[in-house]
Structure formats: C-alpha cells, structure tokens
C-alpha cells in the first residue's frame, strides 16, 4: 500500500497502486512514518536536528537541512531547528587536520548536541567511519538517532529507512526523494493542526 498520509508523494515509487522497484529495492511505509513522527516530535519540543553524510550524501545532508529549515515554514508557526554538520568547512578541516577525518562530525556533536536532540545520518554504504563514530558519540550524548541507509548505520540508529539496492546512485536518488517526502509531509501536518498529533491521525 502507498503511504497512507500522502500517497501522491510516492509517485516515484508507486503508479496506479503498483510499487515501482528493481528486484532489490523495497521501502518500508512504517519506517518512513516513524521518522516523520520523530521529527514532528522534535519540532513541537524545540529540539535541534543535526544532519551529516559524506560525498553525495553530504550534499543531500545540506539539501535536507535547507528544506527542513526553510521549506517547512508556515506563518505564525515555530520553525525547525536544523544544523548540517557538513557545512562548516573550516571546522571540519580543523578536526580532520588536528585529529583524524573520522572525528569531523563527532566533535561537532560534542559541542552542540543536547539530550533528546535528533542526529540524522545519510550514508549510501552505511559504513563511513566518521558517520559511525558520530552515531556512537550521539548515543553517549543521549540523542535520538535516525539513519538513511543500511550497513553498520542500520544497526547503530534508533530509526532507519533502508533502501535495499546495491546501486549507490539509486540509493542516493531514493534518499533525496524520501527527504523531500519527509519535509513536505511535515509541512502539511503542521499546517492542518498546530497541536501535537500523530502521523496516523492526519
């Protein structure tokens, strides 16, 4: 079945009720809903969301931050608090140069993250050393962790949407579509009711 709250936004994956996929790629409706719930809860409790990734996933992390920060704005409503850990190049290179590249995200979290904040990892392989180290640090800081995609990341996060494909380009495309889906759905959920409610009540 298409995602109940906004089936029209899964056009890249559904057509006339039929899932469009290759033999490996399947997306979990319940996993997508769970991530939306987590971010909606963060919004209503004014928690900060941190997003990270490498290479193409770094670009996706920055894009996701932009859309979640600006694309969800509604008149008279609070705004999402979002920081891309990929965007402070001087700071990242300082940590990479003075320690190791594995520290570029974890060290930023030590400075910024508070308990119950959200840390999102976007990773095509799911095995990037700096992302894994940051997720381990995130748990030590008592944050809530979300992952887009598999590998080791899948086992380290509290919530995960896994794109079951071995083609990195397809995985990165799916991540961007999913994150657009998340942002537009969140905006609609906030628009229809200013009070807290669950995805399934929409």
C-alpha atoms as a PDB file:
ATOM      1  CA  UNK A   1       0.000   0.000   0.000  1.00  0.00           C
ATOM      2  CA  UNK A   2       1.161   3.598  -0.583  1.00  0.00           C
ATOM      3  CA  UNK A   3       1.937   5.704   2.473  1.00  0.00           C
ATOM      4  CA  UNK A   4      -1.491   6.475   3.925  1.00  0.00           C
ATOM      5  CA  UNK A   5      -0.979  10.093   4.874  1.00  0.00           C
ATOM      6  CA  UNK A   6       0.238  11.306   1.481  1.00  0.00           C
ATOM      7  CA  UNK A   7       0.149   8.621  -1.247  1.00  0.00           C
ATOM      8  CA  UNK A   8       0.506  11.202  -4.028  1.00  0.00           C
ATOM      9  CA  UNK A   9       4.025  11.953  -2.825  1.00  0.00           C
ATOM     10  CA  UNK A  10       5.271   8.445  -3.548  1.00  0.00           C
ATOM     11  CA  UNK A  11       4.860   8.806  -7.319  1.00  0.00           C
ATOM     12  CA  UNK A  12       8.463   7.815  -7.866  1.00  0.00           C
ATOM     13  CA  UNK A  13       7.751   4.520  -6.155  1.00  0.00           C
ATOM     14  CA  UNK A  14       4.067   3.924  -6.907  1.00  0.00           C
ATOM     15  CA  UNK A  15       1.992   4.112 -10.071  1.00  0.00           C
ATOM     16  CA  UNK A  16      -1.689   3.157 -10.056  1.00  0.00           C
ATOM     17  CA  UNK A  17      -1.138   1.401  -6.724  1.00  0.00           C
ATOM     18  CA  UNK A  18       1.763  -0.686  -8.035  1.00  0.00           C
ATOM     19  CA  UNK A  19       5.203  -0.465  -6.498  1.00  0.00           C
ATOM     20  CA  UNK A  20       7.884   0.606  -8.991  1.00  0.00           C
ATOM     21  CA  UNK A  21      11.122  -1.047  -7.947  1.00  0.00           C
ATOM     22  CA  UNK A  22      14.028  -3.143  -9.030  1.00  0.00           C
ATOM     23  CA  UNK A  23      14.410  -6.621  -7.586  1.00  0.00           C
ATOM     24  CA  UNK A  24      16.323  -5.312  -4.551  1.00  0.00           C
ATOM     25  CA  UNK A  25      14.603  -2.034  -3.677  1.00  0.00           C
ATOM     26  CA  UNK A  26      11.742  -2.047  -1.180  1.00  0.00           C
ATOM     27  CA  UNK A  27      10.792   0.815   1.136  1.00  0.00           C
ATOM     28  CA  UNK A  28       9.041   0.367   4.450  1.00  0.00           C
ATOM     29  CA  UNK A  29       5.969   2.534   4.994  1.00  0.00           C
ATOM     30  CA  UNK A  30       6.178   2.066   8.760  1.00  0.00           C
ATOM     31  CA  UNK A  31       9.848   3.098   8.844  1.00  0.00           C
ATOM     32  CA  UNK A  32       9.089   6.286   6.913  1.00  0.00           C
ATOM     33  CA  UNK A  33       6.196   7.081   9.234  1.00  0.00           C
ATOM     34  CA  UNK A  34       8.398   6.513  12.280  1.00  0.00           C
ATOM     35  CA  UNK A  35      10.985   9.027  11.049  1.00  0.00           C
ATOM     36  CA  UNK A  36       8.262  11.600  10.378  1.00  0.00           C
ATOM     37  CA  UNK A  37       6.925  11.046  13.903  1.00  0.00           C
ATOM     38  CA  UNK A  38      10.377  11.591  15.407  1.00  0.00           C
ATOM     39  CA  UNK A  39      10.919  14.848  13.521  1.00  0.00           C
ATOM     40  CA  UNK A  40       7.420  16.096  14.301  1.00  0.00           C
ATOM     41  CA  UNK A  41       8.054  15.439  17.978  1.00  0.00           C
ATOM     42  CA  UNK A  42      11.362  17.313  17.746  1.00  0.00           C
ATOM     43  CA  UNK A  43       9.553  20.257  16.172  1.00  0.00           C
ATOM     44  CA  UNK A  44       6.966  20.546  18.934  1.00  0.00           C
ATOM     45  CA  UNK A  45       9.601  20.187  21.660  1.00  0.00           C
ATOM     46  CA  UNK A  46      12.015  22.691  20.046  1.00  0.00           C
ATOM     47  CA  UNK A  47      14.823  20.180  19.754  1.00  0.00           C
ATOM     48  CA  UNK A  48      17.735  20.573  17.366  1.00  0.00           C
ATOM     49  CA  UNK A  49      18.238  18.265  14.391  1.00  0.00           C
ATOM     50  CA  UNK A  50      21.767  17.536  13.167  1.00  0.00           C
ATOM     51  CA  UNK A  51      22.318  16.018   9.718  1.00  0.00           C
ATOM     52  CA  UNK A  52      25.520  14.504   8.286  1.00  0.00           C
ATOM     53  CA  UNK A  53      26.885  12.496   5.373  1.00  0.00           C
ATOM     54  CA  UNK A  54      29.857  12.149   3.029  1.00  0.00           C
ATOM     55  CA  UNK A  55      30.321  12.874  -0.674  1.00  0.00           C
ATOM     56  CA  UNK A  56      26.910  12.789  -2.408  1.00  0.00           C
ATOM     57  CA  UNK A  57      25.318  12.174   0.976  1.00  0.00           C
ATOM     58  CA  UNK A  58      26.995  15.349   2.276  1.00  0.00           C
ATOM     59  CA  UNK A  59      25.201  17.253  -0.458  1.00  0.00           C
ATOM     60  CA  UNK A  60      21.969  15.518   0.483  1.00  0.00           C
ATOM     61  CA  UNK A  61      22.534  16.417   4.149  1.00  0.00           C
ATOM     62  CA  UNK A  62      22.921  20.096   3.238  1.00  0.00           C
ATOM     63  CA  UNK A  63      19.874  19.954   0.953  1.00  0.00           C
ATOM     64  CA  UNK A  64      17.786  18.245   3.628  1.00  0.00           C
ATOM     65  CA  UNK A  65      18.854  20.901   6.144  1.00  0.00           C
ATOM     66  CA  UNK A  66      17.839  23.663   3.754  1.00  0.00           C
ATOM     67  CA  UNK A  67      14.432  22.166   3.020  1.00  0.00           C
ATOM     68  CA  UNK A  68      13.678  21.283   6.632  1.00  0.00           C
ATOM     69  CA  UNK A  69      14.746  24.752   7.782  1.00  0.00           C
ATOM     70  CA  UNK A  70      13.032  26.877   5.137  1.00  0.00           C
ATOM     71  CA  UNK A  71      10.662  24.649   3.192  1.00  0.00           C
ATOM     72  CA  UNK A  72       8.549  23.864   6.242  1.00  0.00           C
ATOM     73  CA  UNK A  73       7.991  27.472   7.359  1.00  0.00           C
ATOM     74  CA  UNK A  74       4.378  28.473   7.944  1.00  0.00           C
ATOM     75  CA  UNK A  75       3.161  31.959   9.011  1.00  0.00           C
ATOM     76  CA  UNK A  76       2.877  32.317  12.756  1.00  0.00           C
ATOM     77  CA  UNK A  77       4.334  28.882  13.475  1.00  0.00           C
ATOM     78  CA  UNK A  78       7.671  27.994  15.082  1.00  0.00           C
ATOM     79  CA  UNK A  79      10.475  26.840  12.799  1.00  0.00           C
ATOM     80  CA  UNK A  80      12.570  23.687  12.769  1.00  0.00           C
ATOM     81  CA  UNK A  81      15.992  23.965  14.407  1.00  0.00           C
ATOM     82  CA  UNK A  82      18.367  22.241  11.970  1.00  0.00           C
ATOM     83  CA  UNK A  83      22.153  22.199  11.560  1.00  0.00           C
ATOM     84  CA  UNK A  84      24.101  20.472   8.778  1.00  0.00           C
ATOM     85  CA  UNK A  85      27.345  19.083  10.202  1.00  0.00           C
ATOM     86  CA  UNK A  86      28.638  19.070   6.617  1.00  0.00           C
ATOM     87  CA  UNK A  87      28.632  22.843   6.084  1.00  0.00           C
ATOM     88  CA  UNK A  88      31.324  24.338   8.351  1.00  0.00           C
ATOM     89  CA  UNK A  89      34.328  23.574   6.147  1.00  0.00           C
ATOM     90  CA  UNK A  90      36.964  25.371   8.294  1.00  0.00           C
ATOM     91  CA  UNK A  91      35.808  23.469  11.385  1.00  0.00           C
ATOM     92  CA  UNK A  92      35.688  20.114   9.597  1.00  0.00           C
ATOM     93  CA  UNK A  93      39.187  20.566   8.195  1.00  0.00           C
ATOM     94  CA  UNK A  94      40.470  21.674  11.599  1.00  0.00           C
ATOM     95  CA  UNK A  95      39.238  18.466  13.231  1.00  0.00           C
ATOM     96  CA  UNK A  96      40.471  16.368  10.290  1.00  0.00           C
ATOM     97  CA  UNK A  97      43.903  18.002  10.382  1.00  0.00           C
ATOM     98  CA  UNK A  98      44.398  18.060  14.153  1.00  0.00           C
ATOM     99  CA  UNK A  99      42.870  14.662  14.921  1.00  0.00           C
ATOM    100  CA  UNK A 100      41.562  12.451  12.081  1.00  0.00           C
ATOM    101  CA  UNK A 101      38.879  12.666   9.413  1.00  0.00           C
ATOM    102  CA  UNK A 102      36.845  10.227  11.478  1.00  0.00           C
ATOM    103  CA  UNK A 103      36.272  12.992  14.056  1.00  0.00           C
ATOM    104  CA  UNK A 104      34.742  15.696  11.848  1.00  0.00           C
ATOM    105  CA  UNK A 105      31.128  15.023  12.848  1.00  0.00           C
ATOM    106  CA  UNK A 106      31.546  13.545  16.326  1.00  0.00           C
ATOM    107  CA  UNK A 107      33.461  16.538  17.656  1.00  0.00           C
ATOM    108  CA  UNK A 108      30.778  18.943  16.432  1.00  0.00           C
ATOM    109  CA  UNK A 109      28.130  16.925  18.257  1.00  0.00           C
ATOM    110  CA  UNK A 110      30.101  17.124  21.498  1.00  0.00           C
ATOM    111  CA  UNK A 111      29.932  20.921  21.270  1.00  0.00           C
ATOM    112  CA  UNK A 112      26.322  21.269  20.136  1.00  0.00           C
ATOM    113  CA  UNK A 113      24.077  18.294  20.872  1.00  0.00           C
ATOM    114  CA  UNK A 114      21.831  18.040  23.921  1.00  0.00           C
ATOM    115  CA  UNK A 115      19.876  15.035  25.215  1.00  0.00           C
ATOM    116  CA  UNK A 116      16.832  14.191  23.080  1.00  0.00           C
ATOM    117  CA  UNK A 117      18.127  16.182  20.086  1.00  0.00           C
ATOM    118  CA  UNK A 118      17.992  14.313  16.755  1.00  0.00           C
ATOM    119  CA  UNK A 119      21.059  13.127  14.823  1.00  0.00           C
ATOM    120  CA  UNK A 120      20.420  12.032  11.224  1.00  0.00           C
ATOM    121  CA  UNK A 121      22.980  10.041   9.248  1.00  0.00           C
ATOM    122  CA  UNK A 122      22.690   9.765   5.480  1.00  0.00           C
ATOM    123  CA  UNK A 123      25.051   7.189   4.022  1.00  0.00           C
ATOM    124  CA  UNK A 124      24.938   5.294   0.748  1.00  0.00           C
ATOM    125  CA  UNK A 125      27.160   2.487   2.024  1.00  0.00           C
ATOM    126  CA  UNK A 126      26.191   2.763   5.672  1.00  0.00           C
ATOM    127  CA  UNK A 127      29.800   2.103   6.623  1.00  0.00           C
ATOM    128  CA  UNK A 128      31.502   5.517   6.657  1.00  0.00           C
ATOM    129  CA  UNK A 129      33.910   5.631   9.613  1.00  0.00           C
ATOM    130  CA  UNK A 130      33.190   9.262  10.521  1.00  0.00           C
ATOM    131  CA  UNK A 131      29.419   8.672  10.458  1.00  0.00           C
ATOM    132  CA  UNK A 132      29.731   5.542  12.589  1.00  0.00           C
ATOM    133  CA  UNK A 133      31.913   7.350  15.123  1.00  0.00           C
ATOM    134  CA  UNK A 134      29.440  10.252  15.270  1.00  0.00           C
ATOM    135  CA  UNK A 135      26.497   7.898  15.845  1.00  0.00           C
ATOM    136  CA  UNK A 136      28.309   6.203  18.703  1.00  0.00           C
ATOM    137  CA  UNK A 137      29.014   9.613  20.207  1.00  0.00           C
ATOM    138  CA  UNK A 138      25.381  10.604  19.647  1.00  0.00           C
ATOM    139  CA  UNK A 139      24.240   7.688  21.789  1.00  0.00           C
ATOM    140  CA  UNK A 140      26.662   8.704  24.528  1.00  0.00           C
ATOM    141  CA  UNK A 141      25.085  12.170  24.401  1.00  0.00           C
ATOM    142  CA  UNK A 142      21.594  10.654  24.777  1.00  0.00           C
ATOM    143  CA  UNK A 143      20.310  11.901  21.429  1.00  0.00           C
ATOM    144  CA  UNK A 144      17.800  10.153  19.170  1.00  0.00           C
ATOM    145  CA  UNK A 145      19.424   8.739  16.034  1.00  0.00           C
ATOM    146  CA  UNK A 146      17.955   8.319  12.546  1.00  0.00           C
ATOM    147  CA  UNK A 147      19.572   6.630   9.574  1.00  0.00           C
ATOM    148  CA  UNK A 148      19.090   6.676   5.842  1.00  0.00           C
ATOM    149  CA  UNK A 149      20.569   3.721   4.950  1.00  0.00           C
ATOM    150  CA  UNK A 150      21.951   0.249   5.698  1.00  0.00           C
ATOM    151  CA  UNK A 151      25.337  -1.241   6.511  1.00  0.00           C
ATOM    152  CA  UNK A 152      26.632  -0.573  10.008  1.00  0.00           C
ATOM    153  CA  UNK A 153      24.482   2.563  10.255  1.00  0.00           C
ATOM    154  CA  UNK A 154      21.325   0.447  10.252  1.00  0.00           C
ATOM    155  CA  UNK A 155      22.433  -1.307  13.435  1.00  0.00           C
ATOM    156  CA  UNK A 156      23.509   1.883  15.212  1.00  0.00           C
ATOM    157  CA  UNK A 157      20.390   4.042  14.895  1.00  0.00           C
ATOM    158  CA  UNK A 158      17.065   4.140  16.706  1.00  0.00           C
ATOM    159  CA  UNK A 159      15.098   4.641  13.471  1.00  0.00           C
ATOM    160  CA  UNK A 160      16.141   3.734   9.939  1.00  0.00           C
ATOM    161  CA  UNK A 161      14.810   3.890   6.388  1.00  0.00           C
ATOM    162  CA  UNK A 162      16.757   1.353   4.346  1.00  0.00           C
ATOM    163  CA  UNK A 163      16.860   1.424   0.537  1.00  0.00           C
ATOM    164  CA  UNK A 164      17.566  -2.158  -0.470  1.00  0.00           C
ATOM    165  CA  UNK A 165      19.659  -1.526  -3.548  1.00  0.00           C
ATOM    166  CA  UNK A 166      23.310  -2.199  -4.358  1.00  0.00           C
ATOM    167  CA  UNK A 167      23.436   0.710  -6.813  1.00  0.00           C
ATOM    168  CA  UNK A 168      24.796   3.758  -4.978  1.00  0.00           C
ATOM    169  CA  UNK A 169      23.214   6.164  -7.466  1.00  0.00           C
ATOM    170  CA  UNK A 170      19.770   4.643  -6.894  1.00  0.00           C
ATOM    171  CA  UNK A 171      20.281   4.795  -3.135  1.00  0.00           C
ATOM    172  CA  UNK A 172      21.255   8.478  -3.251  1.00  0.00           C
ATOM    173  CA  UNK A 173      18.302   9.290  -5.530  1.00  0.00           C
ATOM    174  CA  UNK A 174      15.943   7.498  -3.155  1.00  0.00           C
ATOM    175  CA  UNK A 175      17.365   9.393  -0.176  1.00  0.00           C
ATOM    176  CA  UNK A 176      16.649  12.724  -1.853  1.00  0.00           C
ATOM    177  CA  UNK A 177      13.109  11.694  -2.767  1.00  0.00           C
ATOM    178  CA  UNK A 178      12.494  10.405   0.751  1.00  0.00           C
ATOM    179  CA  UNK A 179      13.780  13.564   2.358  1.00  0.00           C
ATOM    180  CA  UNK A 180      11.594  15.724   0.117  1.00  0.00           C
ATOM    181  CA  UNK A 181       8.695  13.475   1.112  1.00  0.00           C
ATOM    182  CA  UNK A 182       9.518  13.951   4.797  1.00  0.00           C
ATOM    183  CA  UNK A 183       9.731  17.746   4.518  1.00  0.00           C
ATOM    184  CA  UNK A 184       6.533  18.237   2.537  1.00  0.00           C
ATOM    185  CA  UNK A 185       4.618  15.859   4.785  1.00  0.00           C
ATOM    186  CA  UNK A 186       5.838  17.634   7.917  1.00  0.00           C
ATOM    187  CA  UNK A 187       4.789  20.982   6.495  1.00  0.00           C
ATOM    188  CA  UNK A 188       1.293  19.670   5.771  1.00  0.00           C
ATOM    189  CA  UNK A 189       0.972  18.073   9.190  1.00  0.00           C
ATOM    190  CA  UNK A 190       1.932  21.327  10.907  1.00  0.00           C
ATOM    191  CA  UNK A 191      -0.398  23.322   8.637  1.00  0.00           C
ATOM    192  CA  UNK A 192      -3.549  21.343   9.362  1.00  0.00           C
ATOM    193  CA  UNK A 193      -3.191  21.482  13.125  1.00  0.00           C
ATOM    194  CA  UNK A 194      -0.898  23.486  15.358  1.00  0.00           C
ATOM    195  CA  UNK A 195      -1.219  20.978  18.177  1.00  0.00           C
ATOM    196  CA  UNK A 196       0.700  17.744  18.599  1.00  0.00           C
ATOM    197  CA  UNK A 197      -0.786  14.722  16.869  1.00  0.00           C
ATOM    198  CA  UNK A 198       0.483  11.559  15.236  1.00  0.00           C
ATOM    199  CA  UNK A 199       1.064  10.822  11.577  1.00  0.00           C
ATOM    200  CA  UNK A 200      -1.754   8.260  11.536  1.00  0.00           C
ATOM    201  CA  UNK A 201      -4.258  10.878  12.730  1.00  0.00           C
ATOM    202  CA  UNK A 202      -3.693  13.037   9.642  1.00  0.00           C
END
